[in-house]
């Protein structure tokens, strides 16, 4: 079995080659993302393994089918970048990693919240310059704050457990409320009520056509002045220009994003010696109350181990039985 990996970095090779000792698959690694520009380079592979910024639209999937690809293996939880209708039409199966160390993303979410609130990144730089002043570093207690969690799947649950440990009050929105969370004191409510009542909002939902730009001018208008928003889910949940306007108007007090709607042009690359032409991200990063990390939330040893293990197991399962528990179907 030959597998073509796209959007690969050195750490992908390390973890997948380590786990491949069990399977003996043949790997080809491409640093570029999978899209129309590279799809014709595929030769003699039966599986493509892709990540969050690979673009598998109808055009790409049709070529994959012509090349003999039978399986698209996503080494991530989200699958909004795959045209599932086209995949089904051309007889290509799709699998993903629905859960991999949800604690990794949840802990990074809390790290972003704490960094923004207590300004530890600024304090670190000050002290290195022998500036021990506390002016401008004032934060607030998370204890007894009302945190609105949108999406209470595995990652949302992990974040809620952490936030409850801080003594926060949790309100949540999900299409499928979790009784165990209700028993733990989480109050499910409507989106509008969550927007209205939350001091802090954390996004942990997948991107769907229904929630595209969930955070926009209209929803922001319902929120408290000075609300804190953290997004470690998908960039297109937030309308970036509307968020910028809300920052200027002090509607958003703190904004932490580990994802960005145009991230495929930026993230996972070293652009330190280039001129970034994306004026929007440059403007975002100029705000003193905005923290941007480059899709880093998943990046722990435990998560990468589980991603490689579960991706290769799904491929092996499909080879042997024709299906896997992690298959994505319409």
C-alpha atoms as a PDB file:
ATOM      1  CA  UNK A   1       0.000   0.000   0.000  1.00  0.00           C
ATOM      2  CA  UNK A   2       1.431   3.354  -1.082  1.00  0.00           C
ATOM      3  CA  UNK A   3       0.336   6.512   0.699  1.00  0.00           C
ATOM      4  CA  UNK A   4       1.003  10.103  -0.433  1.00  0.00           C
ATOM      5  CA  UNK A   5       1.192  12.612   2.432  1.00  0.00           C
ATOM      6  CA  UNK A   6       0.576  16.297   1.800  1.00  0.00           C
ATOM      7  CA  UNK A   7       1.253  19.401   3.903  1.00  0.00           C
ATOM      8  CA  UNK A   8       3.936  17.447   5.719  1.00  0.00           C
ATOM      9  CA  UNK A   9       6.474  18.809   8.159  1.00  0.00           C
ATOM     10  CA  UNK A  10       9.472  17.051   9.717  1.00  0.00           C
ATOM     11  CA  UNK A  11       7.445  16.072  12.785  1.00  0.00           C
ATOM     12  CA  UNK A  12       4.829  14.340  10.600  1.00  0.00           C
ATOM     13  CA  UNK A  13       7.519  12.123   9.128  1.00  0.00           C
ATOM     14  CA  UNK A  14       8.918  11.264  12.553  1.00  0.00           C
ATOM     15  CA  UNK A  15       5.619  10.188  14.082  1.00  0.00           C
ATOM     16  CA  UNK A  16       4.173   8.408  11.041  1.00  0.00           C
ATOM     17  CA  UNK A  17       7.362   6.525  10.232  1.00  0.00           C
ATOM     18  CA  UNK A  18       7.573   5.397  13.853  1.00  0.00           C
ATOM     19  CA  UNK A  19       4.018   4.036  13.792  1.00  0.00           C
ATOM     20  CA  UNK A  20       4.512   2.537  10.330  1.00  0.00           C
ATOM     21  CA  UNK A  21       6.862  -0.078  11.773  1.00  0.00           C
ATOM     22  CA  UNK A  22       3.660  -1.977  12.585  1.00  0.00           C
ATOM     23  CA  UNK A  23       2.198  -1.767   9.072  1.00  0.00           C
ATOM     24  CA  UNK A  24       4.990  -1.495   6.510  1.00  0.00           C
ATOM     25  CA  UNK A  25       3.193   0.950   4.195  1.00  0.00           C
ATOM     26  CA  UNK A  26       5.172   2.890   1.588  1.00  0.00           C
ATOM     27  CA  UNK A  27       5.153   6.649   2.134  1.00  0.00           C
ATOM     28  CA  UNK A  28       5.692   9.605  -0.184  1.00  0.00           C
ATOM     29  CA  UNK A  29       5.897  12.984   1.532  1.00  0.00           C
ATOM     30  CA  UNK A  30       5.026  16.328  -0.071  1.00  0.00           C
ATOM     31  CA  UNK A  31       5.567  19.606   1.774  1.00  0.00           C
ATOM     32  CA  UNK A  32       3.031  21.434  -0.382  1.00  0.00           C
ATOM     33  CA  UNK A  33      -0.692  21.330   0.307  1.00  0.00           C
ATOM     34  CA  UNK A  34      -2.845  19.155  -1.918  1.00  0.00           C
ATOM     35  CA  UNK A  35      -4.709  21.141  -4.522  1.00  0.00           C
ATOM     36  CA  UNK A  36      -5.086  21.502  -8.294  1.00  0.00           C
ATOM     37  CA  UNK A  37      -1.460  22.629  -8.621  1.00  0.00           C
ATOM     38  CA  UNK A  38       0.030  19.323  -7.412  1.00  0.00           C
ATOM     39  CA  UNK A  39      -2.610  16.623  -7.770  1.00  0.00           C
ATOM     40  CA  UNK A  40      -1.202  15.396 -11.101  1.00  0.00           C
ATOM     41  CA  UNK A  41       2.091  14.548  -9.402  1.00  0.00           C
ATOM     42  CA  UNK A  42       0.438  11.553  -7.737  1.00  0.00           C
ATOM     43  CA  UNK A  43       1.537   8.292  -9.319  1.00  0.00           C
ATOM     44  CA  UNK A  44       0.905   4.710  -8.191  1.00  0.00           C
ATOM     45  CA  UNK A  45      -0.456   5.653  -4.759  1.00  0.00           C
ATOM     46  CA  UNK A  46      -3.780   4.322  -3.491  1.00  0.00           C
ATOM     47  CA  UNK A  47      -4.243   6.645  -0.497  1.00  0.00           C
ATOM     48  CA  UNK A  48      -3.703  10.357   0.091  1.00  0.00           C
ATOM     49  CA  UNK A  49      -3.200  11.566   3.652  1.00  0.00           C
ATOM     50  CA  UNK A  50      -4.099  15.229   4.098  1.00  0.00           C
ATOM     51  CA  UNK A  51      -4.357  17.930   6.741  1.00  0.00           C
ATOM     52  CA  UNK A  52      -6.532  20.950   7.545  1.00  0.00           C
ATOM     53  CA  UNK A  53      -5.417  23.271   4.732  1.00  0.00           C
ATOM     54  CA  UNK A  54      -5.434  20.776   1.870  1.00  0.00           C
ATOM     55  CA  UNK A  55      -8.169  21.599  -0.637  1.00  0.00           C
ATOM     56  CA  UNK A  56     -10.023  18.554  -1.907  1.00  0.00           C
ATOM     57  CA  UNK A  57     -12.678  20.108  -4.096  1.00  0.00           C
ATOM     58  CA  UNK A  58     -14.496  18.369  -6.916  1.00  0.00           C
ATOM     59  CA  UNK A  59     -11.756  19.128  -9.427  1.00  0.00           C
ATOM     60  CA  UNK A  60      -9.066  17.579  -7.225  1.00  0.00           C
ATOM     61  CA  UNK A  61     -11.177  14.555  -6.294  1.00  0.00           C
ATOM     62  CA  UNK A  62     -11.952  13.797  -9.934  1.00  0.00           C
ATOM     63  CA  UNK A  63      -8.223  13.707 -10.710  1.00  0.00           C
ATOM     64  CA  UNK A  64      -7.563  11.568  -7.616  1.00  0.00           C
ATOM     65  CA  UNK A  65     -10.114   9.053  -8.891  1.00  0.00           C
ATOM     66  CA  UNK A  66      -8.458   9.017 -12.304  1.00  0.00           C
ATOM     67  CA  UNK A  67      -5.134   8.364 -10.579  1.00  0.00           C
ATOM     68  CA  UNK A  68      -6.562   5.334  -8.779  1.00  0.00           C
ATOM     69  CA  UNK A  69      -6.883   6.851  -5.306  1.00  0.00           C
ATOM     70  CA  UNK A  70      -9.332   4.823  -3.218  1.00  0.00           C
ATOM     71  CA  UNK A  71      -9.090   6.593   0.142  1.00  0.00           C
ATOM     72  CA  UNK A  72      -8.651  10.113   1.500  1.00  0.00           C
ATOM     73  CA  UNK A  73      -7.276   9.863   5.039  1.00  0.00           C
ATOM     74  CA  UNK A  74      -7.591  13.097   7.008  1.00  0.00           C
ATOM     75  CA  UNK A  75      -5.097  13.317   9.857  1.00  0.00           C
ATOM     76  CA  UNK A  76      -7.353  15.806  11.637  1.00  0.00           C
ATOM     77  CA  UNK A  77     -10.883  15.945  13.010  1.00  0.00           C
ATOM     78  CA  UNK A  78     -12.441  18.448  10.621  1.00  0.00           C
ATOM     79  CA  UNK A  79     -13.471  17.502   7.087  1.00  0.00           C
ATOM     80  CA  UNK A  80     -14.957  20.760   5.793  1.00  0.00           C
ATOM     81  CA  UNK A  81     -12.130  20.935   3.222  1.00  0.00           C
ATOM     82  CA  UNK A  82     -13.324  17.774   1.427  1.00  0.00           C
ATOM     83  CA  UNK A  83     -16.168  17.675  -1.092  1.00  0.00           C
ATOM     84  CA  UNK A  84     -17.890  14.593   0.318  1.00  0.00           C
ATOM     85  CA  UNK A  85     -20.495  14.547  -2.456  1.00  0.00           C
ATOM     86  CA  UNK A  86     -17.779  14.339  -5.095  1.00  0.00           C
ATOM     87  CA  UNK A  87     -15.868  11.716  -3.102  1.00  0.00           C
ATOM     88  CA  UNK A  88     -18.954   9.510  -2.945  1.00  0.00           C
ATOM     89  CA  UNK A  89     -19.686  10.012  -6.632  1.00  0.00           C
ATOM     90  CA  UNK A  90     -16.176   8.951  -7.623  1.00  0.00           C
ATOM     91  CA  UNK A  91     -16.060   6.028  -5.206  1.00  0.00           C
ATOM     92  CA  UNK A  92     -13.393   7.400  -2.861  1.00  0.00           C
ATOM     93  CA  UNK A  93     -13.747   6.639   0.837  1.00  0.00           C
ATOM     94  CA  UNK A  94     -12.916   9.290   3.420  1.00  0.00           C
ATOM     95  CA  UNK A  95     -11.735   8.771   6.990  1.00  0.00           C
ATOM     96  CA  UNK A  96     -10.561  11.138   9.703  1.00  0.00           C
ATOM     97  CA  UNK A  97      -9.283  11.251  13.274  1.00  0.00           C
ATOM     98  CA  UNK A  98     -12.388  12.381  15.160  1.00  0.00           C
ATOM     99  CA  UNK A  99     -10.624  12.560  18.516  1.00  0.00           C
ATOM    100  CA  UNK A 100      -6.976  12.877  19.358  1.00  0.00           C
ATOM    101  CA  UNK A 101      -5.915  14.085  22.767  1.00  0.00           C
ATOM    102  CA  UNK A 102      -8.758  16.599  23.155  1.00  0.00           C
ATOM    103  CA  UNK A 103      -6.892  17.792  26.233  1.00  0.00           C
ATOM    104  CA  UNK A 104      -4.170  19.184  23.954  1.00  0.00           C
ATOM    105  CA  UNK A 105      -6.547  21.669  22.317  1.00  0.00           C
ATOM    106  CA  UNK A 106      -8.415  22.363  25.557  1.00  0.00           C
ATOM    107  CA  UNK A 107      -5.216  23.134  27.454  1.00  0.00           C
ATOM    108  CA  UNK A 108      -4.012  25.453  24.688  1.00  0.00           C
ATOM    109  CA  UNK A 109      -7.354  27.241  24.834  1.00  0.00           C
ATOM    110  CA  UNK A 110      -6.887  27.896  28.532  1.00  0.00           C
ATOM    111  CA  UNK A 111      -3.261  28.899  27.912  1.00  0.00           C
ATOM    112  CA  UNK A 112      -4.419  31.529  25.418  1.00  0.00           C
ATOM    113  CA  UNK A 113      -7.059  32.786  27.833  1.00  0.00           C
ATOM    114  CA  UNK A 114      -4.569  33.060  30.689  1.00  0.00           C
ATOM    115  CA  UNK A 115      -1.920  34.687  28.495  1.00  0.00           C
ATOM    116  CA  UNK A 116      -4.317  37.316  27.189  1.00  0.00           C
ATOM    117  CA  UNK A 117      -5.847  37.974  30.585  1.00  0.00           C
ATOM    118  CA  UNK A 118      -2.729  38.031  32.777  1.00  0.00           C
ATOM    119  CA  UNK A 119      -0.482  39.322  29.964  1.00  0.00           C
ATOM    120  CA  UNK A 120       2.316  36.871  30.737  1.00  0.00           C
ATOM    121  CA  UNK A 121       3.776  37.305  27.239  1.00  0.00           C
ATOM    122  CA  UNK A 122       4.182  41.040  27.858  1.00  0.00           C
ATOM    123  CA  UNK A 123       5.498  40.520  31.383  1.00  0.00           C
ATOM    124  CA  UNK A 124       8.118  38.089  30.066  1.00  0.00           C
ATOM    125  CA  UNK A 125       9.439  40.648  27.570  1.00  0.00           C
ATOM    126  CA  UNK A 126       9.371  43.468  30.145  1.00  0.00           C
ATOM    127  CA  UNK A 127      11.372  41.622  32.755  1.00  0.00           C
ATOM    128  CA  UNK A 128      13.991  40.597  30.189  1.00  0.00           C
ATOM    129  CA  UNK A 129      14.528  44.333  29.650  1.00  0.00           C
ATOM    130  CA  UNK A 130      14.734  44.954  33.420  1.00  0.00           C
ATOM    131  CA  UNK A 131      11.319  46.599  33.453  1.00  0.00           C
ATOM    132  CA  UNK A 132       9.558  45.380  36.586  1.00  0.00           C
ATOM    133  CA  UNK A 133       6.593  47.761  36.420  1.00  0.00           C
ATOM    134  CA  UNK A 134       3.103  46.291  36.677  1.00  0.00           C
ATOM    135  CA  UNK A 135       1.409  49.143  34.827  1.00  0.00           C
ATOM    136  CA  UNK A 136      -0.669  47.805  31.943  1.00  0.00           C
ATOM    137  CA  UNK A 137      -0.624  44.204  33.166  1.00  0.00           C
ATOM    138  CA  UNK A 138      -3.908  44.218  35.076  1.00  0.00           C
ATOM    139  CA  UNK A 139      -6.066  41.133  34.554  1.00  0.00           C
ATOM    140  CA  UNK A 140      -9.198  39.617  36.056  1.00  0.00           C
ATOM    141  CA  UNK A 141     -10.110  36.485  37.969  1.00  0.00           C
ATOM    142  CA  UNK A 142     -11.482  33.614  35.926  1.00  0.00           C
ATOM    143  CA  UNK A 143     -13.054  32.395  39.164  1.00  0.00           C
ATOM    144  CA  UNK A 144     -16.829  33.051  39.063  1.00  0.00           C
ATOM    145  CA  UNK A 145     -16.716  34.405  35.522  1.00  0.00           C
ATOM    146  CA  UNK A 146     -19.370  33.104  33.155  1.00  0.00           C
ATOM    147  CA  UNK A 147     -17.772  31.169  30.302  1.00  0.00           C
ATOM    148  CA  UNK A 148     -19.886  30.314  27.275  1.00  0.00           C
ATOM    149  CA  UNK A 149     -18.724  27.165  25.494  1.00  0.00           C
ATOM    150  CA  UNK A 150     -20.050  26.615  21.984  1.00  0.00           C
ATOM    151  CA  UNK A 151     -19.694  22.937  21.154  1.00  0.00           C
ATOM    152  CA  UNK A 152     -19.468  20.320  23.896  1.00  0.00           C
ATOM    153  CA  UNK A 153     -17.883  17.441  22.069  1.00  0.00           C
ATOM    154  CA  UNK A 154     -14.668  15.868  23.343  1.00  0.00           C
ATOM    155  CA  UNK A 155     -12.618  19.085  23.172  1.00  0.00           C
ATOM    156  CA  UNK A 156     -15.400  21.234  24.587  1.00  0.00           C
ATOM    157  CA  UNK A 157     -15.833  18.799  27.474  1.00  0.00           C
ATOM    158  CA  UNK A 158     -12.100  18.814  28.190  1.00  0.00           C
ATOM    159  CA  UNK A 159     -12.069  22.619  28.265  1.00  0.00           C
ATOM    160  CA  UNK A 160     -15.122  22.695  30.525  1.00  0.00           C
ATOM    161  CA  UNK A 161     -13.404  20.380  33.003  1.00  0.00           C
ATOM    162  CA  UNK A 162     -10.433  22.753  33.118  1.00  0.00           C
ATOM    163  CA  UNK A 163     -12.623  25.856  33.456  1.00  0.00           C
ATOM    164  CA  UNK A 164     -14.661  24.281  36.249  1.00  0.00           C
ATOM    165  CA  UNK A 165     -11.393  23.732  38.065  1.00  0.00           C
ATOM    166  CA  UNK A 166     -10.882  27.497  38.001  1.00  0.00           C
ATOM    167  CA  UNK A 167     -14.275  27.970  39.615  1.00  0.00           C
ATOM    168  CA  UNK A 168     -15.884  29.450  36.511  1.00  0.00           C
ATOM    169  CA  UNK A 169     -19.604  29.211  35.798  1.00  0.00           C
ATOM    170  CA  UNK A 170     -20.201  27.365  32.529  1.00  0.00           C
ATOM    171  CA  UNK A 171     -23.039  27.907  30.119  1.00  0.00           C
ATOM    172  CA  UNK A 172     -23.025  25.954  26.876  1.00  0.00           C
ATOM    173  CA  UNK A 173     -24.640  25.533  23.497  1.00  0.00           C
ATOM    174  CA  UNK A 174     -24.730  22.295  21.548  1.00  0.00           C
ATOM    175  CA  UNK A 175     -27.288  20.585  19.358  1.00  0.00           C
ATOM    176  CA  UNK A 176     -26.905  17.519  21.563  1.00  0.00           C
ATOM    177  CA  UNK A 177     -26.632  18.446  25.269  1.00  0.00           C
ATOM    178  CA  UNK A 178     -24.506  16.136  27.385  1.00  0.00           C
ATOM    179  CA  UNK A 179     -26.244  14.843  30.514  1.00  0.00           C
ATOM    180  CA  UNK A 180     -22.935  14.271  32.339  1.00  0.00           C
ATOM    181  CA  UNK A 181     -22.073  17.943  31.882  1.00  0.00           C
ATOM    182  CA  UNK A 182     -25.525  18.957  33.091  1.00  0.00           C
ATOM    183  CA  UNK A 183     -24.939  16.796  36.170  1.00  0.00           C
ATOM    184  CA  UNK A 184     -21.633  18.623  36.684  1.00  0.00           C
ATOM    185  CA  UNK A 185     -23.430  21.971  36.782  1.00  0.00           C
ATOM    186  CA  UNK A 186     -23.187  23.091  33.152  1.00  0.00           C
ATOM    187  CA  UNK A 187     -26.261  25.001  32.000  1.00  0.00           C
ATOM    188  CA  UNK A 188     -27.245  24.575  28.358  1.00  0.00           C
ATOM    189  CA  UNK A 189     -28.892  27.582  26.768  1.00  0.00           C
ATOM    190  CA  UNK A 190     -29.680  29.152  23.413  1.00  0.00           C
ATOM    191  CA  UNK A 191     -26.970  30.797  21.337  1.00  0.00           C
ATOM    192  CA  UNK A 192     -28.537  34.211  21.787  1.00  0.00           C
ATOM    193  CA  UNK A 193     -28.619  33.801  25.555  1.00  0.00           C
ATOM    194  CA  UNK A 194     -25.032  32.562  25.585  1.00  0.00           C
ATOM    195  CA  UNK A 195     -23.924  35.585  23.578  1.00  0.00           C
ATOM    196  CA  UNK A 196     -25.775  37.879  25.975  1.00  0.00           C
ATOM    197  CA  UNK A 197     -24.606  36.386  29.276  1.00  0.00           C
ATOM    198  CA  UNK A 198     -21.008  35.265  28.698  1.00  0.00           C
ATOM    199  CA  UNK A 199     -17.961  37.115  29.965  1.00  0.00           C
ATOM    200  CA  UNK A 200     -15.791  34.719  27.957  1.00  0.00           C
ATOM    201  CA  UNK A 201     -16.754  32.727  24.852  1.00  0.00           C
ATOM    202  CA  UNK A 202     -14.778  29.705  23.691  1.00  0.00           C
ATOM    203  CA  UNK A 203     -15.466  28.060  20.331  1.00  0.00           C
ATOM    204  CA  UNK A 204     -15.203  24.261  20.121  1.00  0.00           C
ATOM    205  CA  UNK A 205     -17.570  23.372  17.284  1.00  0.00           C
ATOM    206  CA  UNK A 206     -16.831  21.997  13.813  1.00  0.00           C
ATOM    207  CA  UNK A 207     -17.268  24.301  10.839  1.00  0.00           C
ATOM    208  CA  UNK A 208     -20.531  23.674   8.980  1.00  0.00           C
ATOM    209  CA  UNK A 209     -22.541  25.675   6.433  1.00  0.00           C
ATOM    210  CA  UNK A 210     -24.932  26.581   9.249  1.00  0.00           C
ATOM    211  CA  UNK A 211     -22.327  28.146  11.553  1.00  0.00           C
ATOM    212  CA  UNK A 212     -20.052  29.785   8.974  1.00  0.00           C
ATOM    213  CA  UNK A 213     -19.237  33.228  10.420  1.00  0.00           C
ATOM    214  CA  UNK A 214     -21.020  32.379  13.650  1.00  0.00           C
ATOM    215  CA  UNK A 215     -19.225  35.357  15.202  1.00  0.00           C
ATOM    216  CA  UNK A 216     -20.281  38.317  13.091  1.00  0.00           C
ATOM    217  CA  UNK A 217     -21.583  41.845  13.416  1.00  0.00           C
ATOM    218  CA  UNK A 218     -25.032  40.692  14.509  1.00  0.00           C
ATOM    219  CA  UNK A 219     -23.897  38.163  17.116  1.00  0.00           C
ATOM    220  CA  UNK A 220     -21.218  40.518  18.446  1.00  0.00           C
ATOM    221  CA  UNK A 221     -23.871  43.196  19.016  1.00  0.00           C
ATOM    222  CA  UNK A 222     -25.612  40.819  21.459  1.00  0.00           C
ATOM    223  CA  UNK A 223     -22.490  40.334  23.592  1.00  0.00           C
ATOM    224  CA  UNK A 224     -21.280  42.190  26.656  1.00  0.00           C
ATOM    225  CA  UNK A 225     -18.929  45.100  26.099  1.00  0.00           C
ATOM    226  CA  UNK A 226     -15.367  43.873  26.621  1.00  0.00           C
ATOM    227  CA  UNK A 227     -16.189  40.204  25.969  1.00  0.00           C
ATOM    228  CA  UNK A 228     -13.286  37.756  25.632  1.00  0.00           C
ATOM    229  CA  UNK A 229     -13.401  35.395  22.638  1.00  0.00           C
ATOM    230  CA  UNK A 230     -11.111  32.393  22.111  1.00  0.00           C
ATOM    231  CA  UNK A 231     -11.189  30.335  18.907  1.00  0.00           C
ATOM    232  CA  UNK A 232      -9.185  27.112  18.655  1.00  0.00           C
ATOM    233  CA  UNK A 233     -11.653  25.438  16.297  1.00  0.00           C
ATOM    234  CA  UNK A 234     -11.907  26.736  12.707  1.00  0.00           C
ATOM    235  CA  UNK A 235     -11.059  30.167  11.334  1.00  0.00           C
ATOM    236  CA  UNK A 236     -14.254  30.658   9.374  1.00  0.00           C
ATOM    237  CA  UNK A 237     -16.327  30.615  12.553  1.00  0.00           C
ATOM    238  CA  UNK A 238     -15.292  34.254  12.967  1.00  0.00           C
ATOM    239  CA  UNK A 239     -15.900  37.020  10.442  1.00  0.00           C
ATOM    240  CA  UNK A 240     -12.478  38.610  10.794  1.00  0.00           C
ATOM    241  CA  UNK A 241     -13.366  42.097   9.593  1.00  0.00           C
ATOM    242  CA  UNK A 242     -16.377  42.211  11.913  1.00  0.00           C
ATOM    243  CA  UNK A 243     -14.110  41.164  14.776  1.00  0.00           C
ATOM    244  CA  UNK A 244     -11.658  43.936  13.900  1.00  0.00           C
ATOM    245  CA  UNK A 245     -14.472  46.487  13.989  1.00  0.00           C
ATOM    246  CA  UNK A 246     -15.574  45.107  17.366  1.00  0.00           C
ATOM    247  CA  UNK A 247     -12.013  45.416  18.685  1.00  0.00           C
ATOM    248  CA  UNK A 248     -11.875  49.047  17.593  1.00  0.00           C
ATOM    249  CA  UNK A 249     -15.206  49.719  19.287  1.00  0.00           C
ATOM    250  CA  UNK A 250     -14.061  47.924  22.483  1.00  0.00           C
ATOM    251  CA  UNK A 251     -16.904  45.416  22.129  1.00  0.00           C
ATOM    252  CA  UNK A 252     -14.251  42.678  22.138  1.00  0.00           C
ATOM    253  CA  UNK A 253     -11.919  43.163  25.082  1.00  0.00           C
ATOM    254  CA  UNK A 254      -9.616  40.210  24.376  1.00  0.00           C
ATOM    255  CA  UNK A 255      -9.349  37.994  21.299  1.00  0.00           C
ATOM    256  CA  UNK A 256      -7.330  34.803  21.034  1.00  0.00           C
ATOM    257  CA  UNK A 257      -7.235  32.878  17.754  1.00  0.00           C
ATOM    258  CA  UNK A 258      -5.304  29.734  16.951  1.00  0.00           C
ATOM    259  CA  UNK A 259      -7.089  29.539  13.596  1.00  0.00           C
ATOM    260  CA  UNK A 260      -7.673  32.125  10.878  1.00  0.00           C
ATOM    261  CA  UNK A 261      -9.916  32.096   7.827  1.00  0.00           C
ATOM    262  CA  UNK A 262      -6.996  32.706   5.430  1.00  0.00           C
ATOM    263  CA  UNK A 263      -4.510  30.604   7.354  1.00  0.00           C
ATOM    264  CA  UNK A 264      -3.601  28.274   4.485  1.00  0.00           C
ATOM    265  CA  UNK A 265      -1.489  31.087   3.019  1.00  0.00           C
ATOM    266  CA  UNK A 266       0.389  31.649   6.280  1.00  0.00           C
ATOM    267  CA  UNK A 267       0.315  28.959   8.921  1.00  0.00           C
ATOM    268  CA  UNK A 268       2.859  26.129   9.159  1.00  0.00           C
ATOM    269  CA  UNK A 269       5.376  28.234   7.183  1.00  0.00           C
ATOM    270  CA  UNK A 270       8.395  30.312   8.183  1.00  0.00           C
ATOM    271  CA  UNK A 271       7.654  33.714   6.671  1.00  0.00           C
ATOM    272  CA  UNK A 272      10.064  35.663   8.857  1.00  0.00           C
ATOM    273  CA  UNK A 273      12.123  36.787   5.851  1.00  0.00           C
ATOM    274  CA  UNK A 274       9.216  37.687   3.608  1.00  0.00           C
ATOM    275  CA  UNK A 275       6.713  40.502   3.342  1.00  0.00           C
ATOM    276  CA  UNK A 276       3.272  39.284   4.361  1.00  0.00           C
ATOM    277  CA  UNK A 277       0.707  40.703   1.974  1.00  0.00           C
ATOM    278  CA  UNK A 278      -2.285  39.798   4.134  1.00  0.00           C
ATOM    279  CA  UNK A 279      -3.175  43.201   5.585  1.00  0.00           C
ATOM    280  CA  UNK A 280      -5.946  41.701   7.713  1.00  0.00           C
ATOM    281  CA  UNK A 281      -3.709  39.424   9.789  1.00  0.00           C
ATOM    282  CA  UNK A 282      -1.158  42.229  10.090  1.00  0.00           C
ATOM    283  CA  UNK A 283      -3.844  44.530  11.459  1.00  0.00           C
ATOM    284  CA  UNK A 284      -5.085  41.848  13.857  1.00  0.00           C
ATOM    285  CA  UNK A 285      -1.606  41.267  15.226  1.00  0.00           C
ATOM    286  CA  UNK A 286      -1.152  45.005  15.794  1.00  0.00           C
ATOM    287  CA  UNK A 287      -3.834  45.067  18.496  1.00  0.00           C
ATOM    288  CA  UNK A 288      -2.343  44.782  21.994  1.00  0.00           C
ATOM    289  CA  UNK A 289      -5.347  42.748  23.166  1.00  0.00           C
ATOM    290  CA  UNK A 290      -5.125  40.101  20.414  1.00  0.00           C
ATOM    291  CA  UNK A 291      -3.128  36.889  20.618  1.00  0.00           C
ATOM    292  CA  UNK A 292      -2.525  34.821  17.482  1.00  0.00           C
ATOM    293  CA  UNK A 293      -0.973  31.356  17.456  1.00  0.00           C
ATOM    294  CA  UNK A 294      -0.482  29.413  14.234  1.00  0.00           C
ATOM    295  CA  UNK A 295      -2.819  26.406  14.555  1.00  0.00           C
ATOM    296  CA  UNK A 296      -0.695  25.149  17.417  1.00  0.00           C
ATOM    297  CA  UNK A 297      -3.371  23.877  19.784  1.00  0.00           C
ATOM    298  CA  UNK A 298      -3.096  20.243  18.667  1.00  0.00           C
ATOM    299  CA  UNK A 299       0.701  20.229  18.805  1.00  0.00           C
ATOM    300  CA  UNK A 300       1.670  17.886  21.628  1.00  0.00           C
ATOM    301  CA  UNK A 301       3.551  14.607  21.665  1.00  0.00           C
ATOM    302  CA  UNK A 302       0.434  12.788  22.806  1.00  0.00           C
ATOM    303  CA  UNK A 303      -1.730  14.256  20.054  1.00  0.00           C
ATOM    304  CA  UNK A 304       0.743  13.555  17.249  1.00  0.00           C
ATOM    305  CA  UNK A 305       1.161   9.999  18.476  1.00  0.00           C
ATOM    306  CA  UNK A 306      -2.584   9.420  18.490  1.00  0.00           C
ATOM    307  CA  UNK A 307      -3.036  11.072  15.089  1.00  0.00           C
ATOM    308  CA  UNK A 308      -0.472   8.802  13.458  1.00  0.00           C
ATOM    309  CA  UNK A 309      -1.738   5.685  15.240  1.00  0.00           C
ATOM    310  CA  UNK A 310      -5.396   6.238  14.411  1.00  0.00           C
ATOM    311  CA  UNK A 311      -4.807   7.369  10.830  1.00  0.00           C
ATOM    312  CA  UNK A 312      -2.774   4.294   9.952  1.00  0.00           C
ATOM    313  CA  UNK A 313      -5.170   1.978  11.793  1.00  0.00           C
ATOM    314  CA  UNK A 314      -8.113   3.404   9.825  1.00  0.00           C
ATOM    315  CA  UNK A 315      -6.237   2.813   6.578  1.00  0.00           C
ATOM    316  CA  UNK A 316      -5.421  -0.748   7.639  1.00  0.00           C
ATOM    317  CA  UNK A 317      -9.035  -1.374   8.697  1.00  0.00           C
ATOM    318  CA  UNK A 318     -10.364  -0.229   5.328  1.00  0.00           C
ATOM    319  CA  UNK A 319      -7.832  -2.446   3.568  1.00  0.00           C
ATOM    320  CA  UNK A 320      -8.863  -5.495   5.531  1.00  0.00           C
ATOM    321  CA  UNK A 321     -12.608  -4.992   6.067  1.00  0.00           C
ATOM    322  CA  UNK A 322     -13.645  -2.234   3.664  1.00  0.00           C
ATOM    323  CA  UNK A 323     -14.653   0.152   6.424  1.00  0.00           C
ATOM    324  CA  UNK A 324     -13.520   1.837   9.660  1.00  0.00           C
ATOM    325  CA  UNK A 325     -15.165   3.398  12.690  1.00  0.00           C
ATOM    326  CA  UNK A 326     -13.617   6.702  11.619  1.00  0.00           C
ATOM    327  CA  UNK A 327     -15.090   6.763   8.106  1.00  0.00           C
ATOM    328  CA  UNK A 328     -16.829   9.977   7.038  1.00  0.00           C
ATOM    329  CA  UNK A 329     -20.048   9.400   5.115  1.00  0.00           C
ATOM    330  CA  UNK A 330     -22.859  11.586   3.903  1.00  0.00           C
END
